[in-house]
């Protein structure tokens, strides 16, 4: 590619993490072409089959939605995606942590959790990929559903979390255009992963949104077609609105204990790993988490530690007074124990893959 060529966004419309990245590209007013992801190209460039990826005009590859945000912000700081004040910046990272490490549970339930949902989703996959490939893709995703512990016995707890989240978001978006006020941030982009990539695309959950959470649908439309030149400001004085505090509380009450539990499993595994084993496996073991009194068995992945590390690095990069402001702002939301956690191990990326870095 030449410098005068567009970026290429290898993605799918019904992809959770594609939905997380797409609004950021549009918000930055980037010249890009979105093309259906060819997994052979993705693997050739990254050694993995994870989408989306962004290919720059210089032919570099960006992979991982969190890293893509950082690349975009570095190259195109205006309009900004990242608030720089401590309370709003950390709050945005907590939203992304929720999206990356917990929201797949309600999102995958929305898509695959009942026979009716699976039937509609299989039809959508076959329409998108063709009959043979659609069936294969659906079977692959069903194995991921099972690894997250999505089964009929867990439906009530997952639906209760989803209902409370949508109610809190509806209340917030009734009065505010975006999570942090009148400007989109990477927290909005992150939340589009589950809310557009699954909830809005999938037939049954779209009906639920339209009937019970219309302000959320309006927010989805704003994020999908952001006119960033017309955006105003994030909340003044580094504030969080009471309605956003409620959103963070719904997320933190249910997700924060599960995230910490999974991170502790990763750390125990890292404690015992051979000294010459730096590369992190993609999956580790199955752990039982609790959601509203219901036990859910789900796979543990080292990426959970990586995700937490991103939020903690930002939080600990602020001075004592700034961290105290953050602590006060999130008091009672369930996230305090997450920010207080001190990991024993650290991960970095080498050629897109996670490796443990000796502390």
Protein backbone atom coordinates (compact mmCIF):
# COMPACT_ATOMS: atom_id res chain seq x y z
CA UNK A 1 0.00 0.00 0.00
CA UNK A 2 1.01 3.61 -0.45
CA UNK A 3 0.59 6.43 2.00
CA UNK A 4 -2.26 7.71 -0.16
CA UNK A 5 -4.24 4.51 0.19
CA UNK A 6 -7.05 3.93 2.69
CA UNK A 7 -6.80 1.87 5.82
CA UNK A 8 -8.33 -1.60 5.46
CA UNK A 9 -10.63 -2.89 8.19
CA UNK A 10 -10.96 -6.70 8.06
CA UNK A 11 -14.09 -7.38 10.04
CA UNK A 12 -17.62 -8.75 10.11
CA UNK A 13 -20.79 -6.86 10.95
CA UNK A 14 -21.92 -9.51 13.42
CA UNK A 15 -18.54 -9.62 15.17
CA UNK A 16 -18.40 -8.45 18.80
CA UNK A 17 -14.93 -6.96 18.56
CA UNK A 18 -15.48 -5.53 15.08
CA UNK A 19 -18.40 -3.59 16.55
CA UNK A 20 -16.03 -2.37 19.25
CA UNK A 21 -13.58 -0.88 16.71
CA UNK A 22 -15.83 0.40 13.91
CA UNK A 23 -17.21 3.46 15.76
CA UNK A 24 -13.68 4.60 16.61
CA UNK A 25 -12.67 4.56 12.94
CA UNK A 26 -15.72 6.60 12.02
CA UNK A 27 -15.32 9.00 14.93
CA UNK A 28 -11.73 9.70 13.86
CA UNK A 29 -13.03 10.44 10.34
CA UNK A 30 -10.57 7.90 8.99
CA UNK A 31 -10.44 7.00 5.31
CA UNK A 32 -10.90 3.26 5.42
CA UNK A 33 -12.41 0.35 3.53
CA UNK A 34 -14.23 -2.36 5.43
CA UNK A 35 -13.92 -5.79 3.86
CA UNK A 36 -15.09 -9.20 5.09
CA UNK A 37 -12.26 -10.73 7.07
CA UNK A 38 -10.30 -13.42 5.23
CA UNK A 39 -9.05 -15.55 8.11
CA UNK A 40 -6.11 -16.81 6.07
CA UNK A 41 -4.94 -13.20 5.70
CA UNK A 42 -5.55 -12.52 9.39
CA UNK A 43 -3.54 -15.59 10.38
CA UNK A 44 -0.73 -14.80 7.97
CA UNK A 45 -0.35 -11.35 9.48
CA UNK A 46 -0.87 -12.14 13.18
CA UNK A 47 -0.45 -15.88 13.70
CA UNK A 48 -4.00 -15.95 15.11
CA UNK A 49 -7.55 -16.08 13.78
CA UNK A 50 -8.86 -13.19 15.86
CA UNK A 51 -10.75 -10.38 14.18
CA UNK A 52 -10.84 -7.56 13.45
CA UNK A 53 -7.53 -6.30 12.20
CA UNK A 54 -6.65 -2.95 10.67
CA UNK A 55 -4.07 -2.77 7.86
CA UNK A 56 -2.51 0.68 7.61
CA UNK A 57 -1.60 2.48 4.37
CA UNK A 58 2.03 1.53 5.15
CA UNK A 59 0.98 -2.16 5.32
CA UNK A 60 1.41 -2.47 9.09
CA UNK A 61 -1.10 -4.60 10.99
CA UNK A 62 -3.05 -3.47 14.05
CA UNK A 63 -4.73 -6.20 16.06
CA UNK A 64 -6.66 -6.19 19.35
CA UNK A 65 -9.33 -3.54 19.79
CA UNK A 66 -7.61 -2.02 22.82
CA UNK A 67 -4.35 -1.60 20.89
CA UNK A 68 -6.21 -0.25 17.87
CA UNK A 69 -7.68 2.52 20.02
CA UNK A 70 -4.18 3.45 21.19
CA UNK A 71 -2.79 3.49 17.64
CA UNK A 72 -5.67 5.68 16.46
CA UNK A 73 -5.24 8.12 19.32
CA UNK A 74 -1.50 8.38 18.75
CA UNK A 75 -1.88 9.08 15.03
CA UNK A 76 -5.06 11.15 15.16
CA UNK A 77 -5.37 12.85 18.57
CA UNK A 78 -8.12 15.15 17.32
CA UNK A 79 -10.94 14.41 17.91
CA UNK A 80 -9.91 12.66 21.14
CA UNK A 81 -11.18 9.26 22.20
CA UNK A 82 -9.36 9.19 25.54
CA UNK A 83 -10.33 11.56 28.36
CA UNK A 84 -7.16 12.58 30.20
CA UNK A 85 -8.64 13.53 33.58
CA UNK A 86 -8.29 10.74 36.17
CA UNK A 87 -11.88 9.95 37.12
CA UNK A 88 -13.27 9.85 33.59
CA UNK A 89 -10.21 8.07 32.17
CA UNK A 90 -10.34 5.28 34.76
CA UNK A 91 -14.13 4.98 34.46
CA UNK A 92 -13.74 4.50 30.71
CA UNK A 93 -11.17 1.77 31.27
CA UNK A 94 -13.50 0.02 33.71
CA UNK A 95 -16.23 -0.02 31.06
CA UNK A 96 -13.80 -1.57 28.60
CA UNK A 97 -12.66 -4.09 31.21
CA UNK A 98 -16.30 -5.09 31.71
CA UNK A 99 -16.79 -5.44 27.95
CA UNK A 100 -13.66 -7.51 27.35
CA UNK A 101 -13.90 -9.80 30.38
CA UNK A 102 -17.56 -10.18 31.29
CA UNK A 103 -20.04 -8.86 28.75
CA UNK A 104 -19.37 -11.78 26.40
CA UNK A 105 -21.52 -13.80 28.80
CA UNK A 106 -24.80 -11.88 28.22
CA UNK A 107 -23.85 -11.25 24.59
CA UNK A 108 -23.31 -14.92 23.80
CA UNK A 109 -26.48 -15.83 25.68
CA UNK A 110 -28.35 -13.29 23.56
CA UNK A 111 -27.08 -14.97 20.41
CA UNK A 112 -27.01 -18.65 21.34
CA UNK A 113 -28.72 -19.12 24.71
CA UNK A 114 -31.98 -20.76 23.63
CA UNK A 115 -33.09 -23.01 20.77
CA UNK A 116 -35.00 -20.12 19.19
CA UNK A 117 -32.01 -17.76 19.40
CA UNK A 118 -29.71 -20.42 17.96
CA UNK A 119 -32.11 -21.07 15.07
CA UNK A 120 -32.22 -17.41 14.05
CA UNK A 121 -28.46 -17.02 14.48
CA UNK A 122 -27.69 -20.05 12.34
CA UNK A 123 -29.85 -18.56 9.58
CA UNK A 124 -27.96 -15.26 9.90
CA UNK A 125 -24.60 -17.03 9.74
CA UNK A 126 -25.61 -19.00 6.65
CA UNK A 127 -26.86 -15.83 4.97
CA UNK A 128 -23.59 -14.07 5.80
CA UNK A 129 -21.04 -16.79 5.05
CA UNK A 130 -22.89 -19.23 2.80
CA UNK A 131 -24.51 -22.48 3.87
CA UNK A 132 -21.45 -24.65 4.42
CA UNK A 133 -19.20 -22.01 5.98
CA UNK A 134 -22.11 -20.60 7.97
CA UNK A 135 -22.80 -23.97 9.57
CA UNK A 136 -19.11 -24.41 10.37
CA UNK A 137 -18.86 -20.92 11.86
CA UNK A 138 -21.99 -21.50 13.94
CA UNK A 139 -20.64 -24.78 15.29
CA UNK A 140 -17.38 -23.04 16.23
CA UNK A 141 -19.22 -20.30 18.08
CA UNK A 142 -21.37 -22.85 19.91
CA UNK A 143 -18.22 -24.39 21.35
CA UNK A 144 -17.27 -20.93 22.63
CA UNK A 145 -20.73 -20.56 24.12
CA UNK A 146 -20.20 -23.75 26.06
CA UNK A 147 -16.78 -22.57 27.27
CA UNK A 148 -18.47 -19.50 28.79
CA UNK A 149 -20.91 -21.64 30.75
CA UNK A 150 -24.04 -20.56 28.92
CA UNK A 151 -26.80 -23.08 29.57
CA UNK A 152 -30.46 -23.06 30.51
CA UNK A 153 -29.74 -23.29 34.25
CA UNK A 154 -27.94 -19.94 34.08
CA UNK A 155 -30.55 -18.10 32.04
CA UNK A 156 -32.32 -16.36 34.92
CA UNK A 157 -29.13 -14.84 36.33
CA UNK A 158 -27.85 -13.72 32.92
CA UNK A 159 -31.20 -12.20 31.98
CA UNK A 160 -31.45 -10.38 35.32
CA UNK A 161 -28.02 -8.83 34.79
CA UNK A 162 -28.96 -7.85 31.24
CA UNK A 163 -32.26 -6.29 32.28
CA UNK A 164 -30.58 -4.22 35.00
CA UNK A 165 -27.82 -3.08 32.65
CA UNK A 166 -30.26 -2.02 29.94
CA UNK A 167 -32.43 -0.20 32.49
CA UNK A 168 -29.42 1.72 33.83
CA UNK A 169 -28.18 2.55 30.35
CA UNK A 170 -31.64 3.67 29.26
CA UNK A 171 -31.85 6.02 32.21
CA UNK A 172 -28.43 7.43 31.42
CA UNK A 173 -28.98 7.87 27.69
CA UNK A 174 -32.32 9.56 28.29
CA UNK A 175 -30.38 12.55 29.62
CA UNK A 176 -26.92 12.17 28.07
CA UNK A 177 -25.80 11.48 24.53
CA UNK A 178 -22.78 9.39 25.49
CA UNK A 179 -21.39 7.67 28.56
CA UNK A 180 -19.19 10.60 29.59
CA UNK A 181 -21.39 13.43 28.42
CA UNK A 182 -21.72 15.09 25.02
CA UNK A 183 -18.66 13.53 23.39
CA UNK A 184 -18.05 9.93 22.47
CA UNK A 185 -15.10 8.18 24.11
CA UNK A 186 -13.45 4.80 23.74
CA UNK A 187 -15.80 3.59 26.50
CA UNK A 188 -18.75 4.09 24.13
CA UNK A 189 -16.86 2.31 21.36
CA UNK A 190 -16.11 -0.61 23.68
CA UNK A 191 -19.72 -0.96 24.82
CA UNK A 192 -20.82 -1.14 21.19
CA UNK A 193 -19.19 -4.58 21.07
CA UNK A 194 -21.97 -6.34 22.96
CA UNK A 195 -24.75 -3.82 22.40
CA UNK A 196 -24.45 -3.48 18.63
CA UNK A 197 -22.41 -6.56 17.70
CA UNK A 198 -24.86 -8.89 19.43
CA UNK A 199 -27.86 -7.21 21.07
CA UNK A 200 -28.83 -5.02 18.13
CA UNK A 201 -27.95 -7.41 15.33
CA UNK A 202 -29.66 -10.45 16.84
CA UNK A 203 -33.37 -10.66 16.16
CA UNK A 204 -34.82 -11.45 19.59
CA UNK A 205 -32.62 -9.06 21.52
CA UNK A 206 -33.23 -6.25 19.02
CA UNK A 207 -36.92 -6.64 19.73
CA UNK A 208 -36.12 -6.39 23.45
CA UNK A 209 -34.11 -3.20 22.87
CA UNK A 210 -36.83 -1.59 20.79
CA UNK A 211 -39.53 -2.46 23.31
CA UNK A 212 -37.73 -1.73 26.58
CA UNK A 213 -34.55 0.28 25.92
CA UNK A 214 -35.21 2.78 23.14
CA UNK A 215 -32.67 5.32 24.49
CA UNK A 216 -30.00 2.63 24.09
CA UNK A 217 -31.03 2.16 20.45
CA UNK A 218 -30.70 5.92 19.91
CA UNK A 219 -27.21 5.78 21.42
CA UNK A 220 -26.29 2.86 19.12
CA UNK A 221 -27.32 4.93 16.13
CA UNK A 222 -25.26 7.90 17.33
CA UNK A 223 -22.20 5.71 17.85
CA UNK A 224 -22.53 3.98 14.52
CA UNK A 225 -22.70 7.30 12.67
CA UNK A 226 -20.77 9.75 14.86
CA UNK A 227 -20.53 13.31 13.58
CA UNK A 228 -17.50 14.05 15.75
CA UNK A 229 -17.28 17.64 14.54
CA UNK A 230 -20.60 18.34 16.28
CA UNK A 231 -19.65 16.69 19.57
CA UNK A 232 -19.27 18.99 22.54
CA UNK A 233 -17.50 18.07 25.76
CA UNK A 234 -17.22 15.34 28.34
CA UNK A 235 -18.74 16.12 31.72
CA UNK A 236 -17.22 19.23 33.30
CA UNK A 237 -14.80 19.07 36.21
CA UNK A 238 -13.96 15.38 35.64
CA UNK A 239 -17.39 14.41 36.94
CA UNK A 240 -19.45 11.27 36.48
CA UNK A 241 -23.21 11.63 36.33
CA UNK A 242 -25.33 9.77 38.92
CA UNK A 243 -26.83 7.73 36.08
CA UNK A 244 -23.36 6.65 34.92
CA UNK A 245 -22.49 5.69 38.50
CA UNK A 246 -25.53 3.39 38.39
CA UNK A 247 -24.30 1.85 35.12
CA UNK A 248 -20.87 1.26 36.66
CA UNK A 249 -22.54 -0.25 39.72
CA UNK A 250 -24.52 -2.77 37.67
CA UNK A 251 -21.33 -3.71 35.85
CA UNK A 252 -19.14 -3.77 38.95
CA UNK A 253 -21.51 -5.66 41.23
CA UNK A 254 -21.70 -8.62 38.86
CA UNK A 255 -18.49 -8.46 36.84
CA UNK A 256 -15.78 -7.26 39.22
CA UNK A 257 -15.74 -10.35 41.51
CA UNK A 258 -15.70 -12.68 38.50
CA UNK A 259 -12.88 -10.76 36.81
CA UNK A 260 -10.73 -10.85 39.94
CA UNK A 261 -11.44 -14.53 40.42
CA UNK A 262 -10.27 -15.31 36.87
CA UNK A 263 -7.19 -13.12 37.23
CA UNK A 264 -6.21 -14.95 40.41
CA UNK A 265 -6.43 -18.26 38.53
CA UNK A 266 -4.12 -16.86 35.85
CA UNK A 267 -1.68 -15.67 38.49
CA UNK A 268 -1.64 -19.04 40.28
CA UNK A 269 -0.90 -20.73 36.97
CA UNK A 270 1.90 -18.25 36.31
CA UNK A 271 3.33 -18.88 39.78
CA UNK A 272 3.90 -22.53 38.88
CA UNK A 273 4.88 -22.22 35.24
CA UNK A 274 8.36 -23.44 34.24
CA UNK A 275 10.93 -20.66 34.39
CA UNK A 276 11.58 -20.97 30.66
CA UNK A 277 7.88 -20.82 29.71
CA UNK A 278 7.13 -17.21 28.85
CA UNK A 279 4.45 -17.57 26.19
CA UNK A 280 0.96 -17.51 27.65
CA UNK A 281 -1.40 -20.26 26.41
CA UNK A 282 -4.63 -19.08 24.91
CA UNK A 283 -6.73 -20.95 27.48
CA UNK A 284 -5.97 -22.32 30.92
CA UNK A 285 -8.72 -24.11 32.82
CA UNK A 286 -12.37 -23.98 33.79
CA UNK A 287 -13.35 -21.96 36.84
CA UNK A 288 -16.72 -21.63 38.56
CA UNK A 289 -17.86 -18.03 38.97
CA UNK A 290 -21.03 -16.87 40.71
CA UNK A 291 -23.56 -14.54 39.13
CA UNK A 292 -26.46 -13.56 41.37
CA UNK A 293 -26.30 -16.80 43.31
CA UNK A 294 -25.94 -18.97 40.21
CA UNK A 295 -22.75 -20.92 39.59
CA UNK A 296 -21.37 -20.66 36.07
CA UNK A 297 -18.44 -22.68 34.77
CA UNK A 298 -16.35 -20.73 32.29
CA UNK A 299 -12.95 -20.93 30.71
CA UNK A 300 -10.12 -18.81 32.11
CA UNK A 301 -7.74 -17.05 29.71
CA UNK A 302 -4.52 -15.14 30.41
CA UNK A 303 -5.94 -12.19 28.49
CA UNK A 304 -7.96 -11.39 31.63
CA UNK A 305 -4.75 -10.38 33.36
CA UNK A 306 -3.72 -8.33 30.32
CA UNK A 307 -7.08 -6.51 30.34
CA UNK A 308 -6.85 -5.72 34.04
CA UNK A 309 -3.27 -4.57 33.56
CA UNK A 310 -4.40 -1.88 31.10
CA UNK A 311 -6.79 -0.34 33.62
CA UNK A 312 -4.35 -0.61 36.53
CA UNK A 313 -1.50 0.98 34.57
CA UNK A 314 -3.66 4.03 33.92
CA UNK A 315 -4.94 4.22 37.49
CA UNK A 316 -1.46 3.91 38.98
CA UNK A 317 -0.07 6.45 36.55
CA UNK A 318 -1.95 9.18 38.38
CA UNK A 319 -0.63 10.79 41.57
CA UNK A 320 -1.95 10.11 45.06
CA UNK A 321 -4.47 12.95 45.05
CA UNK A 322 -5.80 11.97 41.63
CA UNK A 323 -6.17 8.32 42.65
CA UNK A 324 -8.01 9.46 45.77
CA UNK A 325 -10.47 11.32 43.54
CA UNK A 326 -10.99 8.17 41.50
CA UNK A 327 -11.51 6.09 44.63
CA UNK A 328 -14.11 8.51 45.92
CA UNK A 329 -15.92 8.65 42.58
CA UNK A 330 -16.28 4.88 42.24
CA UNK A 331 -17.02 4.16 45.91
CA UNK A 332 -19.86 1.68 46.18
CA UNK A 333 -19.79 0.61 42.52
CA UNK A 334 -18.01 -2.68 43.17
CA UNK A 335 -14.83 -1.69 41.31
CA UNK A 336 -12.71 -0.60 44.30
CA UNK A 337 -11.26 -4.07 44.91
CA UNK A 338 -10.30 -4.30 41.25
CA UNK A 339 -8.31 -1.07 41.38
CA UNK A 340 -6.71 -2.14 44.67
CA UNK A 341 -5.45 -5.42 43.22
CA UNK A 342 -1.67 -5.74 42.82
CA UNK A 343 -0.76 -8.38 40.22
CA UNK A 344 2.29 -10.57 40.87
CA UNK A 345 2.88 -11.14 37.17
CA UNK A 346 2.95 -8.96 34.10
CA UNK A 347 2.17 -9.64 30.47
CA UNK A 348 3.44 -7.97 27.33
CA UNK A 349 2.90 -8.63 23.65
CA UNK A 350 5.42 -10.05 21.22
CA UNK A 351 4.26 -10.48 17.62
CA UNK A 352 0.64 -10.08 18.76
CA UNK A 353 0.91 -12.86 21.36
CA UNK A 354 0.93 -12.54 25.13
CA UNK A 355 4.10 -13.45 27.00
CA UNK A 356 4.89 -13.20 30.68
CA UNK A 357 7.41 -10.56 31.61
CA UNK A 358 9.42 -11.18 34.77
CA UNK A 359 8.70 -8.49 37.30
